[in-house]
Amino acid sequence: MSMISPIALVLVAVLLGSCATANLSKSGQRKTAGKVFVVTGASSGFGRGVAEELGTYGASVVLVARRTELLKEIAARIDSAGGKALVVTADVSNEDDIQRVTDTAVAVFKKVDVWINNAGVGSIGRFWEIPLAEHSRLIDVNLKGVIYGSYAAIRLFRSQKFGTLINTGSIDSEVPLAYQSSYSASKAGVRSLGQAIHQELRLNNERYIRVVTIMPWAADTPWWRHAGNHSGGTPRMAAPDKPDKVVNAIIYASLHRRKELAVGWKARMSYHSHHMAPHFTEWLSANIAHKYQIKDAPPAPDTSGALFKPMEAGRGIDDGVKKRIKQENRERKRNKRK
C-alpha cells in the first residue's frame, strides 16, 4: 500500500498537468488580447513561439534578443496576425540593456502585464573539459540575465500594483543532468530565485504580483544548435518534446496561479520521481544522457555555439532535432550491421 499511493499520486499529477500544454481556450485568448508581454530570447525556440502565438491573440509583445533583423521579421508576423510588436535589441546579461527594455516598453505601451525571462544558452560536455569562459558566460545569461530581468519586472510591477513574472527554468532545475553541469546549476538558481521572490512578496503583502517558474523537458528547438559543445558528439537528448507544449504552458501560466509548472509527462514524471527517489532519478538521468550524448551521438567538433555572439542559423521555433536523431540512430544501427 505504501508503494501504490505515491505511484497513484504521480499518475494523477501527470494527468492533471496536461491541460497546461493544450492550446489556449477562447476565453483565455480573450483575456490575453490587449495585454503587454515582454519576451526575452524571442528570436527562436520557445521565445519566438510564445511571441508569435500571443500575436494571434491580439497581445502586444516586446521582442528582446540579439538578432535585430530576425526580430523585425517576427514583429512583422505579429503585426499581420493582429497583435502589436516592439523590437528591442538587447543582451540579457547586460543590466543596462534590460533597463532600456523596461524604459522602452513603458514609454510605448504604458505598462507591462507579463514579463517572460526566456533567453538561455547551454554548453555540453564534461565539466572539466568545457572552457571556464563558457561556464562563466552561461551563468551571465541564464542566471544573471534572469536576475536582471526579474529585478526590472518586480520593481515595475510594484509601482503598477499588478504583473506576472515568468522565468523559464528546466526539469534540470529539479534533476541535475550529467554533461550539462553549469546549465543545471543555472536553472536550479532560476527556480530558487523565483521561490524566494514569491515568499518575499507574500511577506510584503504584495500577492497581486505572481512569480512562476516553467520547467520543461528537453525540446526540439535551436537550443541544441546554439549550445556550446565539448562532448565529442552531436548535441542531443532522449525523446525531445515538441516546443508547442512549452509555448502553450508559458502562455497558460500567464493566466493561472501556479508557482511552478513542470511541462509534459516526462518532465512531471522526473519531477515527482526525484522527490520520491532522488539518488535513483539522478543516476538514471545521467545514464540516459551518457548513452545519447557520449556513446551514441555522431562525432562533432568543439564549438562555443552562440554563447558569445549570435548565430545566423537556428531561427525557427523547432529545429528538426527529433528527426535528425532518428536518422542518426538508423545510420548507427546500419553501420553496426556492416
C-alpha atoms as a PDB file:
ATOM      1  CA  MET A   1       0.000   0.000   0.000  1.00  0.00           C
ATOM      2  CA  SER A   2       2.840   2.363   0.822  1.00  0.00           C
ATOM      3  CA  MET A   3       4.188   1.943  -2.723  1.00  0.00           C
ATOM      4  CA  ILE A   4       0.829   2.236  -4.508  1.00  0.00           C
ATOM      5  CA  SER A   5      -0.094   5.601  -3.012  1.00  0.00           C
ATOM      6  CA  PRO A   6       2.975   7.548  -4.241  1.00  0.00           C
ATOM      7  CA  ILE A   7       2.688   5.989  -7.714  1.00  0.00           C
ATOM      8  CA  ALA A   8      -1.009   6.864  -7.859  1.00  0.00           C
ATOM      9  CA  LEU A   9      -0.234  10.436  -6.850  1.00  0.00           C
ATOM     10  CA  VAL A  10       2.369  10.743  -9.610  1.00  0.00           C
ATOM     11  CA  LEU A  11      -0.091   9.449 -12.226  1.00  0.00           C
ATOM     12  CA  VAL A  12      -2.763  11.888 -11.055  1.00  0.00           C
ATOM     13  CA  ALA A  13      -0.285  14.775 -11.221  1.00  0.00           C
ATOM     14  CA  VAL A  14       0.736  13.766 -14.749  1.00  0.00           C
ATOM     15  CA  LEU A  15      -2.874  13.660 -15.935  1.00  0.00           C
ATOM     16  CA  LEU A  16      -3.883  16.919 -14.258  1.00  0.00           C
ATOM     17  CA  GLY A  17      -0.926  18.780 -15.758  1.00  0.00           C
ATOM     18  CA  SER A  18      -1.853  18.005 -19.367  1.00  0.00           C
ATOM     19  CA  CYS A  19      -4.273  20.938 -19.709  1.00  0.00           C
ATOM     20  CA  ALA A  20      -1.381  23.402 -19.432  1.00  0.00           C
ATOM     21  CA  THR A  21       0.172  22.137 -22.682  1.00  0.00           C
ATOM     22  CA  ALA A  22      -3.005  22.479 -24.776  1.00  0.00           C
ATOM     23  CA  ASN A  23      -3.856  25.475 -26.937  1.00  0.00           C
ATOM     24  CA  LEU A  24      -5.350  28.362 -25.003  1.00  0.00           C
ATOM     25  CA  SER A  25      -9.141  28.317 -24.755  1.00  0.00           C
ATOM     26  CA  LYS A  26     -11.221  31.006 -26.469  1.00  0.00           C
ATOM     27  CA  SER A  27     -11.863  32.697 -23.123  1.00  0.00           C
ATOM     28  CA  GLY A  28      -8.140  32.573 -22.370  1.00  0.00           C
ATOM     29  CA  GLN A  29      -7.373  34.119 -25.737  1.00  0.00           C
ATOM     30  CA  ARG A  30      -9.812  36.958 -24.999  1.00  0.00           C
ATOM     31  CA  LYS A  31      -8.153  37.566 -21.614  1.00  0.00           C
ATOM     32  CA  THR A  32      -4.755  37.727 -23.318  1.00  0.00           C
ATOM     33  CA  ALA A  33      -5.808  40.218 -26.002  1.00  0.00           C
ATOM     34  CA  GLY A  34      -4.598  43.734 -25.248  1.00  0.00           C
ATOM     35  CA  LYS A  35      -2.092  42.654 -22.603  1.00  0.00           C
ATOM     36  CA  VAL A  36       1.556  43.671 -22.864  1.00  0.00           C
ATOM     37  CA  PHE A  37       4.209  40.932 -22.722  1.00  0.00           C
ATOM     38  CA  VAL A  38       7.989  41.276 -22.594  1.00  0.00           C
ATOM     39  CA  VAL A  39       9.628  38.161 -24.066  1.00  0.00           C
ATOM     40  CA  THR A  40      13.397  37.695 -23.887  1.00  0.00           C
ATOM     41  CA  GLY A  41      15.078  35.167 -26.155  1.00  0.00           C
ATOM     42  CA  ALA A  42      12.350  35.976 -28.687  1.00  0.00           C
ATOM     43  CA  SER A  43      14.337  35.260 -31.861  1.00  0.00           C
ATOM     44  CA  SER A  44      13.893  31.462 -31.825  1.00  0.00           C
ATOM     45  CA  GLY A  45      12.661  28.473 -29.842  1.00  0.00           C
ATOM     46  CA  PHE A  46      10.150  28.937 -27.024  1.00  0.00           C
ATOM     47  CA  GLY A  47      10.527  32.720 -27.082  1.00  0.00           C
ATOM     48  CA  ARG A  48       9.629  33.024 -30.745  1.00  0.00           C
ATOM     49  CA  GLY A  49       6.798  30.533 -30.348  1.00  0.00           C
ATOM     50  CA  VAL A  50       5.309  32.441 -27.408  1.00  0.00           C
ATOM     51  CA  ALA A  51       5.659  35.801 -29.148  1.00  0.00           C
ATOM     52  CA  GLU A  52       4.004  34.676 -32.375  1.00  0.00           C
ATOM     53  CA  GLU A  53       1.207  32.845 -30.545  1.00  0.00           C
ATOM     54  CA  LEU A  54       0.498  35.912 -28.418  1.00  0.00           C
ATOM     55  CA  GLY A  55       0.303  37.956 -31.608  1.00  0.00           C
ATOM     56  CA  THR A  56      -2.535  35.783 -32.907  1.00  0.00           C
ATOM     57  CA  TYR A  57      -4.429  36.503 -29.667  1.00  0.00           C
ATOM     58  CA  GLY A  58      -4.125  40.258 -30.146  1.00  0.00           C
ATOM     59  CA  ALA A  59      -1.492  40.889 -27.469  1.00  0.00           C
ATOM     60  CA  SER A  60       1.280  43.483 -27.562  1.00  0.00           C
ATOM     61  CA  VAL A  61       4.732  41.887 -27.470  1.00  0.00           C
ATOM     62  CA  VAL A  62       8.118  43.434 -26.698  1.00  0.00           C
ATOM     63  CA  LEU A  63      10.605  41.245 -28.571  1.00  0.00           C
ATOM     64  CA  VAL A  64      14.010  41.053 -26.866  1.00  0.00           C
ATOM     65  CA  ALA A  65      17.071  39.263 -28.299  1.00  0.00           C
ATOM     66  CA  ARG A  66      20.397  39.961 -30.013  1.00  0.00           C
ATOM     67  CA  ARG A  67      19.374  39.296 -33.655  1.00  0.00           C
ATOM     68  CA  THR A  68      17.739  42.556 -34.708  1.00  0.00           C
ATOM     69  CA  GLU A  69      16.846  41.684 -38.302  1.00  0.00           C
ATOM     70  CA  LEU A  70      15.258  38.407 -37.261  1.00  0.00           C
ATOM     71  CA  LEU A  71      13.263  40.183 -34.555  1.00  0.00           C
ATOM     72  CA  LYS A  72      11.963  42.578 -37.194  1.00  0.00           C
ATOM     73  CA  GLU A  73      10.742  39.615 -39.276  1.00  0.00           C
ATOM     74  CA  ILE A  74       8.946  38.179 -36.251  1.00  0.00           C
ATOM     75  CA  ALA A  75       7.481  41.594 -35.438  1.00  0.00           C
ATOM     76  CA  ALA A  76       6.030  41.803 -38.950  1.00  0.00           C
ATOM     77  CA  ARG A  77       4.362  38.397 -38.477  1.00  0.00           C
ATOM     78  CA  ILE A  78       2.869  39.501 -35.153  1.00  0.00           C
ATOM     79  CA  ASP A  79       1.566  42.766 -36.611  1.00  0.00           C
ATOM     80  CA  SER A  80      -0.017  40.963 -39.577  1.00  0.00           C
ATOM     81  CA  ALA A  81      -1.667  38.468 -37.193  1.00  0.00           C
ATOM     82  CA  GLY A  82      -3.466  41.249 -35.322  1.00  0.00           C
ATOM     83  CA  GLY A  83      -1.052  41.854 -32.448  1.00  0.00           C
ATOM     84  CA  LYS A  84       1.408  44.666 -31.828  1.00  0.00           C
ATOM     85  CA  ALA A  85       5.165  44.166 -31.719  1.00  0.00           C
ATOM     86  CA  LEU A  86       8.060  46.260 -30.478  1.00  0.00           C
ATOM     87  CA  VAL A  87      11.670  45.251 -31.190  1.00  0.00           C
ATOM     88  CA  VAL A  88      14.326  45.985 -28.565  1.00  0.00           C
ATOM     89  CA  THR A  89      17.778  44.564 -29.328  1.00  0.00           C
ATOM     90  CA  ALA A  90      19.428  43.542 -26.077  1.00  0.00           C
ATOM     91  CA  ASP A  91      21.808  41.128 -24.393  1.00  0.00           C
ATOM     92  CA  VAL A  92      20.080  39.976 -21.199  1.00  0.00           C
ATOM     93  CA  SER A  93      23.426  39.677 -19.397  1.00  0.00           C
ATOM     94  CA  ASN A  94      23.811  43.467 -19.655  1.00  0.00           C
ATOM     95  CA  GLU A  95      21.841  45.209 -16.905  1.00  0.00           C
ATOM     96  CA  ASP A  96      21.792  48.489 -18.860  1.00  0.00           C
ATOM     97  CA  ASP A  97      20.190  46.692 -21.804  1.00  0.00           C
ATOM     98  CA  ILE A  98      17.474  45.299 -19.536  1.00  0.00           C
ATOM     99  CA  GLN A  99      16.746  48.745 -18.100  1.00  0.00           C
ATOM    100  CA  ARG A 100      16.431  50.017 -21.669  1.00  0.00           C
ATOM    101  CA  VAL A 101      13.921  47.247 -22.406  1.00  0.00           C
ATOM    102  CA  THR A 102      11.834  48.360 -19.415  1.00  0.00           C
ATOM    103  CA  ASP A 103      12.002  52.048 -20.273  1.00  0.00           C
ATOM    104  CA  THR A 104      11.133  51.442 -23.931  1.00  0.00           C
ATOM    105  CA  ALA A 105       8.223  49.109 -23.143  1.00  0.00           C
ATOM    106  CA  VAL A 106       6.673  51.574 -20.691  1.00  0.00           C
ATOM    107  CA  ALA A 107       7.239  54.530 -22.996  1.00  0.00           C
ATOM    108  CA  VAL A 108       5.398  52.795 -25.851  1.00  0.00           C
ATOM    109  CA  PHE A 109       2.742  50.682 -24.083  1.00  0.00           C
ATOM    110  CA  LYS A 110       2.483  52.492 -20.694  1.00  0.00           C
ATOM    111  CA  LYS A 111       2.608  49.175 -18.776  1.00  0.00           C
ATOM    112  CA  VAL A 112       3.827  45.577 -18.787  1.00  0.00           C
ATOM    113  CA  ASP A 113       1.387  42.848 -17.755  1.00  0.00           C
ATOM    114  CA  VAL A 114       3.688  39.838 -18.110  1.00  0.00           C
ATOM    115  CA  TRP A 115       7.484  39.643 -18.216  1.00  0.00           C
ATOM    116  CA  ILE A 116       8.870  36.355 -19.569  1.00  0.00           C
ATOM    117  CA  ASN A 117      12.572  35.656 -18.927  1.00  0.00           C
ATOM    118  CA  ASN A 118      13.205  33.019 -21.566  1.00  0.00           C
ATOM    119  CA  ALA A 119      16.672  33.705 -23.000  1.00  0.00           C
ATOM    120  CA  GLY A 120      19.091  30.885 -22.282  1.00  0.00           C
ATOM    121  CA  VAL A 121      22.234  29.204 -23.570  1.00  0.00           C
ATOM    122  CA  GLY A 122      23.929  25.871 -22.929  1.00  0.00           C
ATOM    123  CA  SER A 123      27.325  24.208 -23.017  1.00  0.00           C
ATOM    124  CA  ILE A 124      27.535  20.420 -23.211  1.00  0.00           C
ATOM    125  CA  GLY A 125      30.394  18.208 -22.098  1.00  0.00           C
ATOM    126  CA  ARG A 126      32.347  17.033 -19.074  1.00  0.00           C
ATOM    127  CA  PHE A 127      32.579  19.863 -16.532  1.00  0.00           C
ATOM    128  CA  TRP A 128      36.399  19.981 -16.629  1.00  0.00           C
ATOM    129  CA  GLU A 129      36.548  19.962 -20.441  1.00  0.00           C
ATOM    130  CA  ILE A 130      34.225  22.920 -21.036  1.00  0.00           C
ATOM    131  CA  PRO A 131      36.287  26.158 -21.104  1.00  0.00           C
ATOM    132  CA  LEU A 132      35.866  28.201 -17.946  1.00  0.00           C
ATOM    133  CA  ALA A 133      34.883  31.218 -20.051  1.00  0.00           C
ATOM    134  CA  GLU A 134      31.850  29.277 -21.302  1.00  0.00           C
ATOM    135  CA  HIS A 135      30.778  28.313 -17.775  1.00  0.00           C
ATOM    136  CA  SER A 136      31.028  31.991 -16.830  1.00  0.00           C
ATOM    137  CA  ARG A 137      29.132  33.219 -19.889  1.00  0.00           C
ATOM    138  CA  LEU A 138      26.395  30.644 -19.343  1.00  0.00           C
ATOM    139  CA  ILE A 139      25.830  31.908 -15.784  1.00  0.00           C
ATOM    140  CA  ASP A 140      25.845  35.503 -17.037  1.00  0.00           C
ATOM    141  CA  VAL A 141      23.000  34.759 -19.452  1.00  0.00           C
ATOM    142  CA  ASN A 142      20.965  32.043 -17.735  1.00  0.00           C
ATOM    143  CA  LEU A 143      21.100  33.251 -14.132  1.00  0.00           C
ATOM    144  CA  LYS A 144      22.302  36.843 -14.017  1.00  0.00           C
ATOM    145  CA  GLY A 145      20.129  37.635 -17.040  1.00  0.00           C
ATOM    146  CA  VAL A 146      17.093  36.276 -15.190  1.00  0.00           C
ATOM    147  CA  ILE A 147      18.076  38.214 -12.064  1.00  0.00           C
ATOM    148  CA  TYR A 148      18.316  41.445 -14.090  1.00  0.00           C
ATOM    149  CA  GLY A 149      15.011  40.773 -15.841  1.00  0.00           C
ATOM    150  CA  SER A 150      13.254  39.770 -12.624  1.00  0.00           C
ATOM    151  CA  TYR A 151      14.588  42.844 -10.817  1.00  0.00           C
ATOM    152  CA  ALA A 152      13.329  45.176 -13.543  1.00  0.00           C
ATOM    153  CA  ALA A 153       9.964  43.414 -13.730  1.00  0.00           C
ATOM    154  CA  ILE A 154       9.300  43.278  -9.977  1.00  0.00           C
ATOM    155  CA  ARG A 155      10.163  46.940  -9.482  1.00  0.00           C
ATOM    156  CA  LEU A 156       7.829  47.863 -12.342  1.00  0.00           C
ATOM    157  CA  PHE A 157       5.043  45.577 -11.092  1.00  0.00           C
ATOM    158  CA  ARG A 158       5.265  47.049  -7.580  1.00  0.00           C
ATOM    159  CA  SER A 159       4.776  50.532  -8.990  1.00  0.00           C
ATOM    160  CA  GLN A 160       1.902  49.347 -11.218  1.00  0.00           C
ATOM    161  CA  LYS A 161       0.323  47.206  -8.459  1.00  0.00           C
ATOM    162  CA  PHE A 162      -0.018  44.255 -10.871  1.00  0.00           C
ATOM    163  CA  GLY A 163       2.054  41.922 -13.034  1.00  0.00           C
ATOM    164  CA  THR A 164       3.206  38.353 -13.659  1.00  0.00           C
ATOM    165  CA  LEU A 165       6.842  37.280 -13.847  1.00  0.00           C
ATOM    166  CA  ILE A 166       7.517  34.026 -15.708  1.00  0.00           C
ATOM    167  CA  ASN A 167      11.015  32.539 -15.609  1.00  0.00           C
ATOM    168  CA  THR A 168      11.893  29.648 -17.897  1.00  0.00           C
ATOM    169  CA  GLY A 169      13.810  27.076 -15.903  1.00  0.00           C
ATOM    170  CA  SER A 170      14.147  23.421 -16.881  1.00  0.00           C
ATOM    171  CA  ILE A 171      13.474  19.998 -15.453  1.00  0.00           C
ATOM    172  CA  ASP A 172      17.225  20.319 -14.748  1.00  0.00           C
ATOM    173  CA  SER A 173      16.112  22.861 -12.106  1.00  0.00           C
ATOM    174  CA  GLU A 174      14.891  19.812 -10.173  1.00  0.00           C
ATOM    175  CA  VAL A 175      17.060  16.968 -11.550  1.00  0.00           C
ATOM    176  CA  PRO A 176      20.694  17.971 -12.298  1.00  0.00           C
ATOM    177  CA  LEU A 177      21.899  16.437 -15.544  1.00  0.00           C
ATOM    178  CA  ALA A 178      25.322  14.998 -16.350  1.00  0.00           C
ATOM    179  CA  TYR A 179      27.212  16.798 -19.158  1.00  0.00           C
ATOM    180  CA  GLN A 180      25.143  19.939 -18.528  1.00  0.00           C
ATOM    181  CA  SER A 181      26.592  20.886 -15.148  1.00  0.00           C
ATOM    182  CA  SER A 182      26.616  24.694 -15.337  1.00  0.00           C
ATOM    183  CA  TYR A 183      23.318  24.688 -17.199  1.00  0.00           C
ATOM    184  CA  SER A 184      21.747  22.602 -14.417  1.00  0.00           C
ATOM    185  CA  ALA A 185      23.249  24.906 -11.790  1.00  0.00           C
ATOM    186  CA  SER A 186      21.894  27.990 -13.566  1.00  0.00           C
ATOM    187  CA  LYS A 187      18.406  26.518 -13.865  1.00  0.00           C
ATOM    188  CA  ALA A 188      18.391  25.424 -10.207  1.00  0.00           C
ATOM    189  CA  GLY A 189      19.274  29.025  -9.416  1.00  0.00           C
ATOM    190  CA  VAL A 190      16.375  30.292 -11.535  1.00  0.00           C
ATOM    191  CA  ARG A 191      13.969  28.105  -9.600  1.00  0.00           C
ATOM    192  CA  SER A 192      15.335  29.146  -6.194  1.00  0.00           C
ATOM    193  CA  LEU A 193      15.216  32.796  -7.222  1.00  0.00           C
ATOM    194  CA  GLY A 194      11.543  32.524  -8.118  1.00  0.00           C
ATOM    195  CA  GLN A 195      10.669  30.728  -4.890  1.00  0.00           C
ATOM    196  CA  ALA A 196      12.456  33.329  -2.761  1.00  0.00           C
ATOM    197  CA  ILE A 197      10.858  36.287  -4.571  1.00  0.00           C
ATOM    198  CA  HIS A 198       7.446  34.649  -4.174  1.00  0.00           C
ATOM    199  CA  GLN A 199       7.889  34.443  -0.411  1.00  0.00           C
ATOM    200  CA  GLU A 200       9.205  37.992  -0.139  1.00  0.00           C
ATOM    201  CA  LEU A 201       6.155  39.315  -1.991  1.00  0.00           C
ATOM    202  CA  ARG A 202       3.876  37.285   0.296  1.00  0.00           C
ATOM    203  CA  LEU A 203       5.554  38.668   3.402  1.00  0.00           C
ATOM    204  CA  ASN A 204       5.257  42.176   1.978  1.00  0.00           C
ATOM    205  CA  ASN A 205       1.508  41.703   1.281  1.00  0.00           C
ATOM    206  CA  GLU A 206       2.020  42.075  -2.464  1.00  0.00           C
ATOM    207  CA  ARG A 207       0.198  38.981  -3.673  1.00  0.00           C
ATOM    208  CA  TYR A 208      -1.011  40.875  -6.738  1.00  0.00           C
ATOM    209  CA  ILE A 209       2.374  40.042  -8.275  1.00  0.00           C
ATOM    210  CA  ARG A 210       2.754  36.425  -9.386  1.00  0.00           C
ATOM    211  CA  VAL A 211       6.058  34.617  -9.968  1.00  0.00           C
ATOM    212  CA  VAL A 212       6.061  31.394 -11.996  1.00  0.00           C
ATOM    213  CA  THR A 213       8.907  29.021 -12.905  1.00  0.00           C
ATOM    214  CA  ILE A 214       8.410  26.888 -16.034  1.00  0.00           C
ATOM    215  CA  MET A 215      10.302  23.579 -16.081  1.00  0.00           C
ATOM    216  CA  PRO A 216      10.255  21.817 -19.472  1.00  0.00           C
ATOM    217  CA  TRP A 217      11.865  18.590 -20.605  1.00  0.00           C
ATOM    218  CA  ALA A 218      14.400  18.804 -23.434  1.00  0.00           C
ATOM    219  CA  ALA A 219      12.633  20.158 -26.512  1.00  0.00           C
ATOM    220  CA  ASP A 220      13.137  20.222 -30.278  1.00  0.00           C
ATOM    221  CA  THR A 221      14.364  23.823 -30.549  1.00  0.00           C
ATOM    222  CA  PRO A 222      17.511  25.548 -31.870  1.00  0.00           C
ATOM    223  CA  TRP A 223      18.937  25.408 -28.318  1.00  0.00           C
ATOM    224  CA  TRP A 224      20.902  22.303 -29.357  1.00  0.00           C
ATOM    225  CA  ARG A 225      22.333  24.008 -32.442  1.00  0.00           C
ATOM    226  CA  HIS A 226      23.211  27.128 -30.424  1.00  0.00           C
ATOM    227  CA  ALA A 227      24.775  25.319 -27.445  1.00  0.00           C
ATOM    228  CA  GLY A 228      28.494  25.211 -26.823  1.00  0.00           C
ATOM    229  CA  ASN A 229      29.627  21.633 -27.237  1.00  0.00           C
ATOM    230  CA  HIS A 230      32.737  19.862 -25.939  1.00  0.00           C
ATOM    231  CA  SER A 231      31.307  16.359 -25.576  1.00  0.00           C
ATOM    232  CA  GLY A 232      32.763  14.961 -28.793  1.00  0.00           C
ATOM    233  CA  GLY A 233      29.276  14.124 -30.043  1.00  0.00           C
ATOM    234  CA  THR A 234      26.451  15.977 -31.795  1.00  0.00           C
ATOM    235  CA  PRO A 235      24.164  17.635 -29.187  1.00  0.00           C
ATOM    236  CA  ARG A 236      21.094  15.509 -28.485  1.00  0.00           C
ATOM    237  CA  MET A 237      18.813  14.085 -25.786  1.00  0.00           C
ATOM    238  CA  ALA A 238      16.293  11.279 -25.470  1.00  0.00           C
ATOM    239  CA  ALA A 239      12.770  11.911 -26.792  1.00  0.00           C
ATOM    240  CA  PRO A 240      12.712  15.708 -27.059  1.00  0.00           C
ATOM    241  CA  ASP A 241       9.271  17.308 -26.698  1.00  0.00           C
ATOM    242  CA  LYS A 242       7.596  19.425 -29.338  1.00  0.00           C
ATOM    243  CA  PRO A 243       8.189  23.086 -28.475  1.00  0.00           C
ATOM    244  CA  ASP A 244       4.488  23.969 -28.765  1.00  0.00           C
ATOM    245  CA  LYS A 245       3.891  22.128 -25.470  1.00  0.00           C
ATOM    246  CA  VAL A 246       6.157  24.566 -23.671  1.00  0.00           C
ATOM    247  CA  VAL A 247       4.871  27.565 -25.627  1.00  0.00           C
ATOM    248  CA  ASN A 248       1.321  26.738 -24.544  1.00  0.00           C
ATOM    249  CA  ALA A 249       2.405  26.158 -20.939  1.00  0.00           C
ATOM    250  CA  ILE A 250       4.131  29.540 -20.720  1.00  0.00           C
ATOM    251  CA  ILE A 251       1.046  31.344 -22.003  1.00  0.00           C
ATOM    252  CA  TYR A 252      -1.178  29.238 -19.727  1.00  0.00           C
ATOM    253  CA  ALA A 253       0.966  30.279 -16.751  1.00  0.00           C
ATOM    254  CA  SER A 254       0.337  33.942 -17.549  1.00  0.00           C
ATOM    255  CA  LEU A 255      -3.359  33.393 -16.747  1.00  0.00           C
ATOM    256  CA  HIS A 256      -3.339  30.816 -13.929  1.00  0.00           C
ATOM    257  CA  ARG A 257      -1.946  30.973 -10.416  1.00  0.00           C
ATOM    258  CA  ARG A 258       0.866  28.415 -10.441  1.00  0.00           C
ATOM    259  CA  LYS A 259       4.164  28.840  -8.585  1.00  0.00           C
ATOM    260  CA  GLU A 260       5.991  26.350 -10.790  1.00  0.00           C
ATOM    261  CA  LEU A 261       4.997  24.163 -13.686  1.00  0.00           C
ATOM    262  CA  ALA A 262       6.764  21.026 -14.944  1.00  0.00           C
ATOM    263  CA  VAL A 263       5.774  20.751 -18.618  1.00  0.00           C
ATOM    264  CA  GLY A 264       4.825  17.473 -20.275  1.00  0.00           C
ATOM    265  CA  TRP A 265       4.550  13.983 -18.840  1.00  0.00           C
ATOM    266  CA  LYS A 266       8.303  13.282 -18.975  1.00  0.00           C
ATOM    267  CA  ALA A 267       9.135  16.419 -17.002  1.00  0.00           C
ATOM    268  CA  ARG A 268       6.358  15.739 -14.476  1.00  0.00           C
ATOM    269  CA  MET A 269       7.421  12.120 -14.018  1.00  0.00           C
ATOM    270  CA  SER A 270      11.042  13.224 -13.477  1.00  0.00           C
ATOM    271  CA  TYR A 271       9.947  15.947 -11.063  1.00  0.00           C
ATOM    272  CA  HIS A 272       7.888  13.595  -8.866  1.00  0.00           C
ATOM    273  CA  SER A 273      10.360  10.713  -9.197  1.00  0.00           C
ATOM    274  CA  HIS A 274      13.130  12.965  -7.896  1.00  0.00           C
ATOM    275  CA  HIS A 275      11.047  13.805  -4.838  1.00  0.00           C
ATOM    276  CA  MET A 276      10.450  10.115  -4.091  1.00  0.00           C
ATOM    277  CA  ALA A 277      13.837   8.660  -5.095  1.00  0.00           C
ATOM    278  CA  PRO A 278      16.377  11.448  -5.725  1.00  0.00           C
ATOM    279  CA  HIS A 279      19.537   9.338  -5.995  1.00  0.00           C
ATOM    280  CA  PHE A 280      17.971   6.809  -8.365  1.00  0.00           C
ATOM    281  CA  THR A 281      16.457   9.563 -10.541  1.00  0.00           C
ATOM    282  CA  GLU A 282      19.790  11.369 -10.866  1.00  0.00           C
ATOM    283  CA  TRP A 283      21.571   8.054 -11.627  1.00  0.00           C
ATOM    284  CA  LEU A 284      19.031   7.169 -14.309  1.00  0.00           C
ATOM    285  CA  SER A 285      19.064  10.654 -15.879  1.00  0.00           C
ATOM    286  CA  ALA A 286      22.867  10.603 -16.004  1.00  0.00           C
ATOM    287  CA  ASN A 287      22.898   7.184 -17.663  1.00  0.00           C
ATOM    288  CA  ILE A 288      20.391   8.320 -20.291  1.00  0.00           C
ATOM    289  CA  ALA A 289      22.454  11.448 -21.005  1.00  0.00           C
ATOM    290  CA  HIS A 290      25.631   9.354 -21.261  1.00  0.00           C
ATOM    291  CA  LYS A 291      24.049   6.928 -23.718  1.00  0.00           C
ATOM    292  CA  TYR A 292      22.599   9.581 -26.002  1.00  0.00           C
ATOM    293  CA  GLN A 293      25.334  12.225 -25.797  1.00  0.00           C
ATOM    294  CA  ILE A 294      28.554  10.261 -25.316  1.00  0.00           C
ATOM    295  CA  LYS A 295      28.033   6.691 -26.541  1.00  0.00           C
ATOM    296  CA  ASP A 296      25.576   7.076 -29.435  1.00  0.00           C
ATOM    297  CA  ALA A 297      25.986  10.634 -30.757  1.00  0.00           C
ATOM    298  CA  PRO A 298      27.788  11.073 -34.086  1.00  0.00           C
ATOM    299  CA  PRO A 299      31.159  12.849 -33.755  1.00  0.00           C
ATOM    300  CA  ALA A 300      31.151  16.643 -33.673  1.00  0.00           C
ATOM    301  CA  PRO A 301      33.923  19.252 -33.290  1.00  0.00           C
ATOM    302  CA  ASP A 302      34.218  21.549 -30.282  1.00  0.00           C
ATOM    303  CA  THR A 303      32.292  24.807 -30.552  1.00  0.00           C
ATOM    304  CA  SER A 304      31.209  27.736 -28.398  1.00  0.00           C
ATOM    305  CA  GLY A 305      27.951  27.883 -30.334  1.00  0.00           C
ATOM    306  CA  ALA A 306      26.015  31.104 -29.786  1.00  0.00           C
ATOM    307  CA  LEU A 307      27.299  31.778 -26.271  1.00  0.00           C
ATOM    308  CA  PHE A 308      29.417  34.811 -27.142  1.00  0.00           C
ATOM    309  CA  LYS A 309      27.845  36.003 -30.374  1.00  0.00           C
ATOM    310  CA  PRO A 310      24.567  35.183 -32.130  1.00  0.00           C
ATOM    311  CA  MET A 311      24.432  32.644 -34.949  1.00  0.00           C
ATOM    312  CA  GLU A 312      22.656  33.113 -38.242  1.00  0.00           C
ATOM    313  CA  ALA A 313      21.400  29.506 -38.163  1.00  0.00           C
ATOM    314  CA  GLY A 314      18.655  28.269 -35.861  1.00  0.00           C
ATOM    315  CA  ARG A 315      15.917  30.814 -36.499  1.00  0.00           C
ATOM    316  CA  GLY A 316      12.755  28.774 -36.037  1.00  0.00           C
ATOM    317  CA  ILE A 317      10.594  27.600 -33.165  1.00  0.00           C
ATOM    318  CA  ASP A 318      11.545  23.986 -33.777  1.00  0.00           C
ATOM    319  CA  ASP A 319      14.774  22.826 -35.400  1.00  0.00           C
ATOM    320  CA  GLY A 320      14.218  19.283 -36.659  1.00  0.00           C
ATOM    321  CA  VAL A 321      16.216  17.785 -33.769  1.00  0.00           C
ATOM    322  CA  LYS A 322      13.934  14.789 -33.264  1.00  0.00           C
ATOM    323  CA  LYS A 323      14.013  13.935 -36.969  1.00  0.00           C
ATOM    324  CA  ARG A 324      17.803  14.290 -37.019  1.00  0.00           C
ATOM    325  CA  ILE A 325      18.230  11.987 -34.011  1.00  0.00           C
ATOM    326  CA  LYS A 326      16.041   9.318 -35.620  1.00  0.00           C
ATOM    327  CA  GLN A 327      18.145   9.460 -38.781  1.00  0.00           C
ATOM    328  CA  GLU A 328      21.371   9.301 -36.755  1.00  0.00           C
ATOM    329  CA  ASN A 329      20.086   6.251 -34.869  1.00  0.00           C
ATOM    330  CA  ARG A 330      19.158   4.497 -38.107  1.00  0.00           C
ATOM    331  CA  GLU A 331      22.603   5.150 -39.551  1.00  0.00           C
ATOM    332  CA  ARG A 332      24.302   3.918 -36.370  1.00  0.00           C
ATOM    333  CA  LYS A 333      22.329   0.653 -36.434  1.00  0.00           C
ATOM    334  CA  ARG A 334      23.066   0.231 -40.155  1.00  0.00           C
ATOM    335  CA  ASN A 335      26.786   0.693 -39.549  1.00  0.00           C
ATOM    336  CA  LYS A 336      26.726  -1.875 -36.727  1.00  0.00           C
ATOM    337  CA  ARG A 337      25.283  -4.491 -39.080  1.00  0.00           C
ATOM    338  CA  LYS A 338      28.074  -3.987 -41.621  1.00  0.00           C
END
